[in-house]
Amino acid sequence: MQVRLREEAEDRWLEPGAVYVVLGIYGSQEGLGYRLLGATEPETPAIHPAGLFEVVDPLVSPRWQIEVPGDGGSFSFEPEAWTREGFWTDFFDGDPAARQIFDEECRLFTEQGGSDR
């Protein structure tokens, strides 16, 4: 899946008009968001409000799975390897194994145009 940041959107991490590969989709009471690698910090994934973007390519990877935590108030739709409980905590804490898993999934995304087709 690929999205383009709307020209009028303001986000310090992203460049207006640029196309980004969506690494995951997240929903909660606050709304829908896309996990992307930003222009200003290309090694750090962050969730951005979906309303800032227009969809360029709607196809998602068949490697993605939906995860609904026990509270039922949110969901994630992303690579199965990232749905493991604690994965994102480990990643942001600098765990090398989590970084390796993240990098491998990103490699698959970018090699296959963002939809793992």
N, C-alpha and C. Protein backbone atom coordinates (compact mmCIF):
# COMPACT_ATOMS: atom_id res chain seq x y z
N MET A 1 0.85 -1.17 0.00
CA MET A 1 0.00 0.00 0.00
C MET A 1 0.90 1.23 0.00
N GLN A 2 0.51 2.21 -0.79
CA GLN A 2 1.26 3.46 -0.86
C GLN A 2 0.30 4.64 -0.74
N VAL A 3 0.77 5.69 -0.07
CA VAL A 3 -0.02 6.90 0.12
C VAL A 3 0.84 8.12 -0.20
N ARG A 4 0.16 9.20 -0.54
CA ARG A 4 0.85 10.47 -0.81
C ARG A 4 0.38 11.49 0.22
N LEU A 5 1.34 12.18 0.82
CA LEU A 5 0.99 13.23 1.77
C LEU A 5 0.37 14.39 0.99
N ARG A 6 -0.81 14.80 1.41
CA ARG A 6 -1.50 15.91 0.73
C ARG A 6 -0.63 17.17 0.79
N GLU A 7 -0.66 17.94 -0.27
CA GLU A 7 0.16 19.16 -0.37
C GLU A 7 -0.10 20.12 0.78
N GLU A 8 -1.37 20.20 1.22
CA GLU A 8 -1.72 21.15 2.28
C GLU A 8 -1.44 20.62 3.69
N ALA A 9 -1.06 19.35 3.79
CA ALA A 9 -0.82 18.73 5.10
C ALA A 9 0.46 19.28 5.72
N GLU A 10 0.42 19.42 7.04
CA GLU A 10 1.60 19.85 7.77
C GLU A 10 2.00 18.75 8.73
N ASP A 11 3.20 18.24 8.54
CA ASP A 11 3.75 17.18 9.38
C ASP A 11 5.26 17.33 9.32
N ARG A 12 5.89 17.57 10.44
CA ARG A 12 7.33 17.85 10.45
C ARG A 12 8.18 16.64 10.04
N TRP A 13 7.61 15.44 10.04
CA TRP A 13 8.35 14.23 9.69
C TRP A 13 8.31 13.92 8.20
N LEU A 14 7.33 14.50 7.50
CA LEU A 14 7.05 14.08 6.13
C LEU A 14 7.10 15.25 5.16
N GLU A 15 7.28 14.93 3.86
CA GLU A 15 7.34 15.95 2.82
C GLU A 15 6.03 15.97 2.03
N PRO A 16 5.38 17.13 1.93
CA PRO A 16 4.14 17.23 1.15
C PRO A 16 4.35 16.76 -0.29
N GLY A 17 3.39 15.97 -0.77
CA GLY A 17 3.45 15.46 -2.13
C GLY A 17 4.26 14.18 -2.29
N ALA A 18 5.03 13.81 -1.27
CA ALA A 18 5.85 12.60 -1.36
C ALA A 18 4.99 11.36 -1.18
N VAL A 19 5.42 10.26 -1.82
CA VAL A 19 4.73 8.98 -1.71
C VAL A 19 5.46 8.12 -0.67
N TYR A 20 4.68 7.48 0.20
CA TYR A 20 5.23 6.65 1.27
C TYR A 20 4.63 5.26 1.22
N VAL A 21 5.44 4.26 1.53
CA VAL A 21 4.97 2.89 1.68
C VAL A 21 4.35 2.77 3.07
N VAL A 22 3.13 2.27 3.13
CA VAL A 22 2.45 2.06 4.41
C VAL A 22 2.95 0.74 4.99
N LEU A 23 3.49 0.81 6.18
CA LEU A 23 4.03 -0.37 6.85
C LEU A 23 3.01 -1.04 7.75
N GLY A 24 1.93 -0.33 8.06
CA GLY A 24 0.88 -0.88 8.90
C GLY A 24 -0.26 0.11 9.01
N ILE A 25 -1.43 -0.39 9.34
CA ILE A 25 -2.61 0.44 9.53
C ILE A 25 -3.10 0.21 10.97
N TYR A 26 -3.43 1.30 11.65
CA TYR A 26 -3.83 1.24 13.05
C TYR A 26 -5.12 2.00 13.25
N GLY A 27 -6.01 1.44 14.04
CA GLY A 27 -7.26 2.11 14.35
C GLY A 27 -7.50 2.13 15.84
N SER A 28 -8.05 3.24 16.31
CA SER A 28 -8.41 3.38 17.72
C SER A 28 -9.52 4.41 17.81
N GLN A 29 -9.91 4.73 19.01
CA GLN A 29 -10.94 5.74 19.21
C GLN A 29 -10.50 7.10 18.67
N GLU A 30 -9.20 7.32 18.58
CA GLU A 30 -8.66 8.58 18.05
C GLU A 30 -8.73 8.64 16.52
N GLY A 31 -8.93 7.50 15.87
CA GLY A 31 -9.01 7.48 14.41
C GLY A 31 -8.08 6.47 13.79
N LEU A 32 -7.95 6.57 12.48
CA LEU A 32 -7.14 5.66 11.69
C LEU A 32 -5.77 6.27 11.45
N GLY A 33 -4.72 5.45 11.49
CA GLY A 33 -3.37 5.94 11.24
C GLY A 33 -2.56 4.96 10.41
N TYR A 34 -1.54 5.50 9.74
CA TYR A 34 -0.62 4.69 8.94
C TYR A 34 0.76 4.75 9.57
N ARG A 35 1.41 3.58 9.67
CA ARG A 35 2.81 3.56 10.14
C ARG A 35 3.69 3.72 8.90
N LEU A 36 4.57 4.73 8.96
CA LEU A 36 5.44 5.06 7.84
C LEU A 36 6.85 5.33 8.33
N LEU A 37 7.80 5.27 7.42
CA LEU A 37 9.13 5.78 7.68
C LEU A 37 9.15 7.21 7.16
N GLY A 38 9.50 8.16 8.01
CA GLY A 38 9.45 9.57 7.65
C GLY A 38 10.65 10.04 6.86
N ALA A 39 10.51 11.22 6.28
CA ALA A 39 11.58 11.83 5.50
C ALA A 39 12.69 12.37 6.40
N THR A 40 12.33 12.90 7.57
CA THR A 40 13.34 13.51 8.43
C THR A 40 14.05 12.49 9.32
N GLU A 41 13.40 11.36 9.59
CA GLU A 41 14.03 10.29 10.38
C GLU A 41 13.70 8.96 9.72
N PRO A 42 14.39 8.64 8.63
CA PRO A 42 14.03 7.47 7.82
C PRO A 42 14.25 6.10 8.47
N GLU A 43 14.85 6.07 9.62
CA GLU A 43 15.05 4.80 10.32
C GLU A 43 14.01 4.57 11.41
N THR A 44 13.16 5.58 11.67
CA THR A 44 12.21 5.50 12.77
C THR A 44 10.78 5.47 12.26
N PRO A 45 10.08 4.35 12.43
CA PRO A 45 8.68 4.30 12.01
C PRO A 45 7.80 5.07 12.99
N ALA A 46 6.80 5.74 12.44
CA ALA A 46 5.86 6.49 13.27
C ALA A 46 4.48 6.40 12.66
N ILE A 47 3.47 6.55 13.50
CA ILE A 47 2.08 6.50 13.04
C ILE A 47 1.60 7.93 12.78
N HIS A 48 1.02 8.13 11.59
CA HIS A 48 0.52 9.43 11.16
C HIS A 48 -0.96 9.31 10.84
N PRO A 49 -1.76 10.34 11.13
CA PRO A 49 -3.20 10.29 10.84
C PRO A 49 -3.47 10.02 9.37
N ALA A 50 -4.33 9.06 9.08
CA ALA A 50 -4.64 8.68 7.70
C ALA A 50 -5.24 9.82 6.91
N GLY A 51 -5.92 10.74 7.56
CA GLY A 51 -6.55 11.86 6.87
C GLY A 51 -5.58 12.81 6.20
N LEU A 52 -4.28 12.70 6.51
CA LEU A 52 -3.28 13.56 5.88
C LEU A 52 -2.89 13.08 4.48
N PHE A 53 -3.39 11.90 4.09
CA PHE A 53 -2.90 11.25 2.88
C PHE A 53 -4.01 10.93 1.88
N GLU A 54 -3.59 10.76 0.63
CA GLU A 54 -4.46 10.17 -0.37
C GLU A 54 -3.82 8.83 -0.74
N VAL A 55 -4.64 7.83 -0.98
CA VAL A 55 -4.13 6.50 -1.30
C VAL A 55 -3.72 6.45 -2.77
N VAL A 56 -2.49 6.02 -3.01
CA VAL A 56 -1.94 5.89 -4.36
C VAL A 56 -2.11 4.46 -4.84
N ASP A 57 -1.83 3.50 -3.97
CA ASP A 57 -1.95 2.07 -4.27
C ASP A 57 -2.60 1.41 -3.06
N PRO A 58 -3.84 0.90 -3.20
CA PRO A 58 -4.56 0.36 -2.04
C PRO A 58 -4.20 -1.08 -1.67
N LEU A 59 -3.41 -1.75 -2.47
CA LEU A 59 -3.12 -3.16 -2.20
C LEU A 59 -2.20 -3.32 -1.00
N VAL A 60 -2.59 -4.20 -0.08
CA VAL A 60 -1.76 -4.49 1.09
C VAL A 60 -1.11 -5.86 0.92
N SER A 61 -0.10 -6.08 1.68
CA SER A 61 0.64 -7.32 1.61
C SER A 61 -0.17 -8.50 2.13
N PRO A 62 -0.08 -9.65 1.47
CA PRO A 62 -0.72 -10.85 2.01
C PRO A 62 -0.04 -11.33 3.30
N ARG A 63 1.09 -10.75 3.64
CA ARG A 63 1.81 -11.09 4.87
C ARG A 63 1.19 -10.41 6.09
N TRP A 64 0.31 -9.45 5.87
CA TRP A 64 -0.30 -8.72 6.98
C TRP A 64 -1.39 -9.55 7.64
N GLN A 65 -1.59 -9.29 8.91
CA GLN A 65 -2.71 -9.89 9.63
C GLN A 65 -3.28 -8.85 10.58
N ILE A 66 -4.54 -9.02 10.89
CA ILE A 66 -5.19 -8.08 11.80
C ILE A 66 -5.05 -8.59 13.23
N GLU A 67 -4.79 -7.67 14.13
CA GLU A 67 -4.64 -7.99 15.54
C GLU A 67 -5.55 -7.06 16.33
N VAL A 68 -6.41 -7.65 17.17
CA VAL A 68 -7.31 -6.87 18.02
C VAL A 68 -6.97 -7.24 19.47
N PRO A 69 -6.37 -6.30 20.21
CA PRO A 69 -6.03 -6.59 21.60
C PRO A 69 -7.28 -6.90 22.43
N GLY A 70 -7.08 -7.48 23.57
CA GLY A 70 -8.17 -7.89 24.45
C GLY A 70 -9.14 -6.80 24.82
N ASP A 71 -8.68 -5.55 24.84
CA ASP A 71 -9.59 -4.46 25.22
C ASP A 71 -10.59 -4.14 24.11
N GLY A 72 -10.31 -4.58 22.88
CA GLY A 72 -11.24 -4.38 21.77
C GLY A 72 -11.39 -2.94 21.32
N GLY A 73 -10.63 -2.02 21.89
CA GLY A 73 -10.77 -0.62 21.53
C GLY A 73 -9.86 -0.16 20.42
N SER A 74 -9.05 -1.07 19.89
CA SER A 74 -8.13 -0.70 18.83
C SER A 74 -7.83 -1.93 17.98
N PHE A 75 -7.13 -1.70 16.87
CA PHE A 75 -6.67 -2.81 16.04
C PHE A 75 -5.40 -2.40 15.31
N SER A 76 -4.65 -3.40 14.88
CA SER A 76 -3.51 -3.17 14.00
C SER A 76 -3.61 -4.14 12.84
N PHE A 77 -3.16 -3.71 11.69
CA PHE A 77 -3.12 -4.52 10.47
C PHE A 77 -1.74 -4.30 9.90
N GLU A 78 -0.88 -5.31 10.08
CA GLU A 78 0.55 -5.16 9.77
C GLU A 78 1.17 -6.54 9.61
N PRO A 79 2.47 -6.60 9.26
CA PRO A 79 3.11 -7.91 9.14
C PRO A 79 2.95 -8.74 10.42
N GLU A 80 2.68 -10.00 10.23
CA GLU A 80 2.44 -10.88 11.37
C GLU A 80 3.57 -10.81 12.40
N ALA A 81 4.80 -10.71 11.94
CA ALA A 81 5.95 -10.69 12.85
C ALA A 81 5.90 -9.50 13.80
N TRP A 82 5.23 -8.42 13.41
CA TRP A 82 5.15 -7.23 14.25
C TRP A 82 3.99 -7.27 15.23
N THR A 83 3.11 -8.26 15.11
CA THR A 83 1.95 -8.31 16.00
C THR A 83 2.24 -9.02 17.32
N ARG A 84 3.44 -9.57 17.44
CA ARG A 84 3.80 -10.23 18.70
C ARG A 84 3.73 -9.21 19.84
N GLU A 85 3.11 -9.62 20.93
CA GLU A 85 3.01 -8.73 22.09
C GLU A 85 4.41 -8.28 22.51
N GLY A 86 4.59 -7.00 22.64
CA GLY A 86 5.87 -6.44 23.07
C GLY A 86 6.83 -6.12 21.94
N PHE A 87 6.48 -6.45 20.69
CA PHE A 87 7.41 -6.23 19.59
C PHE A 87 7.83 -4.76 19.51
N TRP A 88 6.85 -3.83 19.50
CA TRP A 88 7.20 -2.42 19.32
C TRP A 88 7.94 -1.87 20.53
N THR A 89 7.64 -2.36 21.71
CA THR A 89 8.41 -1.94 22.90
C THR A 89 9.86 -2.38 22.74
N ASP A 90 10.06 -3.64 22.35
CA ASP A 90 11.42 -4.14 22.13
C ASP A 90 12.13 -3.32 21.06
N PHE A 91 11.42 -3.04 19.97
CA PHE A 91 12.02 -2.29 18.87
C PHE A 91 12.51 -0.92 19.34
N PHE A 92 11.63 -0.17 20.00
CA PHE A 92 12.00 1.17 20.43
C PHE A 92 12.96 1.18 21.62
N ASP A 93 13.09 0.04 22.30
CA ASP A 93 14.10 -0.09 23.35
C ASP A 93 15.46 -0.49 22.79
N GLY A 94 15.53 -0.67 21.47
CA GLY A 94 16.81 -0.96 20.82
C GLY A 94 17.17 -2.43 20.74
N ASP A 95 16.21 -3.32 20.92
CA ASP A 95 16.50 -4.76 20.85
C ASP A 95 16.95 -5.13 19.43
N PRO A 96 18.16 -5.70 19.28
CA PRO A 96 18.68 -6.03 17.95
C PRO A 96 17.81 -7.05 17.19
N ALA A 97 17.22 -8.00 17.90
CA ALA A 97 16.38 -9.00 17.23
C ALA A 97 15.13 -8.35 16.65
N ALA A 98 14.52 -7.44 17.40
CA ALA A 98 13.34 -6.73 16.91
C ALA A 98 13.72 -5.86 15.72
N ARG A 99 14.87 -5.21 15.77
CA ARG A 99 15.32 -4.38 14.64
C ARG A 99 15.53 -5.23 13.40
N GLN A 100 16.10 -6.41 13.58
CA GLN A 100 16.33 -7.31 12.44
C GLN A 100 15.00 -7.74 11.80
N ILE A 101 14.03 -8.06 12.63
CA ILE A 101 12.70 -8.44 12.12
C ILE A 101 12.07 -7.27 11.37
N PHE A 102 12.16 -6.07 11.94
CA PHE A 102 11.62 -4.88 11.30
C PHE A 102 12.30 -4.64 9.95
N ASP A 103 13.62 -4.68 9.93
CA ASP A 103 14.37 -4.42 8.70
C ASP A 103 14.03 -5.43 7.61
N GLU A 104 13.86 -6.69 7.98
CA GLU A 104 13.53 -7.72 6.99
C GLU A 104 12.15 -7.46 6.38
N GLU A 105 11.18 -7.12 7.20
CA GLU A 105 9.84 -6.82 6.67
C GLU A 105 9.88 -5.57 5.78
N CYS A 106 10.62 -4.56 6.17
CA CYS A 106 10.75 -3.35 5.35
C CYS A 106 11.42 -3.67 4.02
N ARG A 107 12.40 -4.52 4.04
CA ARG A 107 13.06 -4.92 2.80
C ARG A 107 12.05 -5.56 1.85
N LEU A 108 11.21 -6.43 2.38
CA LEU A 108 10.19 -7.07 1.56
C LEU A 108 9.22 -6.05 0.98
N PHE A 109 8.82 -5.06 1.79
CA PHE A 109 7.92 -4.00 1.32
C PHE A 109 8.54 -3.25 0.15
N THR A 110 9.76 -2.76 0.35
CA THR A 110 10.36 -1.90 -0.66
C THR A 110 10.74 -2.66 -1.93
N GLU A 111 11.16 -3.90 -1.80
CA GLU A 111 11.49 -4.70 -2.99
C GLU A 111 10.27 -4.99 -3.83
N GLN A 112 9.12 -5.04 -3.19
CA GLN A 112 7.91 -5.44 -3.90
C GLN A 112 6.93 -4.29 -4.07
N GLY A 113 7.41 -3.07 -4.00
CA GLY A 113 6.58 -1.91 -4.28
C GLY A 113 5.58 -1.55 -3.21
N GLY A 114 5.77 -1.99 -2.00
CA GLY A 114 4.91 -1.58 -0.91
C GLY A 114 3.70 -2.44 -0.70
N SER A 115 3.50 -3.47 -1.53
CA SER A 115 2.33 -4.32 -1.31
C SER A 115 2.71 -5.80 -1.28
N ASP A 116 4.00 -6.10 -1.38
CA ASP A 116 4.47 -7.49 -1.30
C ASP A 116 3.77 -8.35 -2.36
N ARG A 117 3.56 -7.77 -3.53
CA ARG A 117 2.86 -8.50 -4.60
C ARG A 117 3.80 -9.46 -5.29
